[in-house]
Amino acid sequence: MLLLTQALTQEEQRGIAENLNEEELALFDLLMKPRPELTKDEIEQVKTAARDLLDTLKAEKLVLDWRKRQQTQAQVELTIQDMLDQKLPEAYDTNLYEQKCSQVFDHIYKNYYGAGKSVYAGVG
């Protein structure tokens, strides 16, 4: 077990400690930096938001060539807005919420090509 721990990168160890895979950890980091003061329960809420958002987008919205169609892009953006509105703690004020929605959409746009293809293919 010690050898396994030594072989893991610091980021992989952080993902294990947070109970998030690499994709979820990337979204979690976007949502947490900068962040308001959060309780442990609220931090868990943010983890759940990152995990659920990613699962929903991958299952329903990130279809083949989604980035080429304005309507599909708008659906992805709306899903991000709706899910973050529902799942982020109230400590995220309107300005921070809007900033996070924009950052998450930019991250998804740059890293997910659709139909299961992403910079994370084969990860997690």
Foldseek 3Di string as FASTA:
>chain_A
DVVVVVPDDPVCVVCVVLVHWPQLVVLLVLLVVPFFDDDPVLSVLSSVLSVVLVVCCQVPQQAAQLVVDPVSLVVNLVSLLVSCVVRHDPRQDPVNSVSSSVVVSVVCSQFGNGPQDGPQVPTD
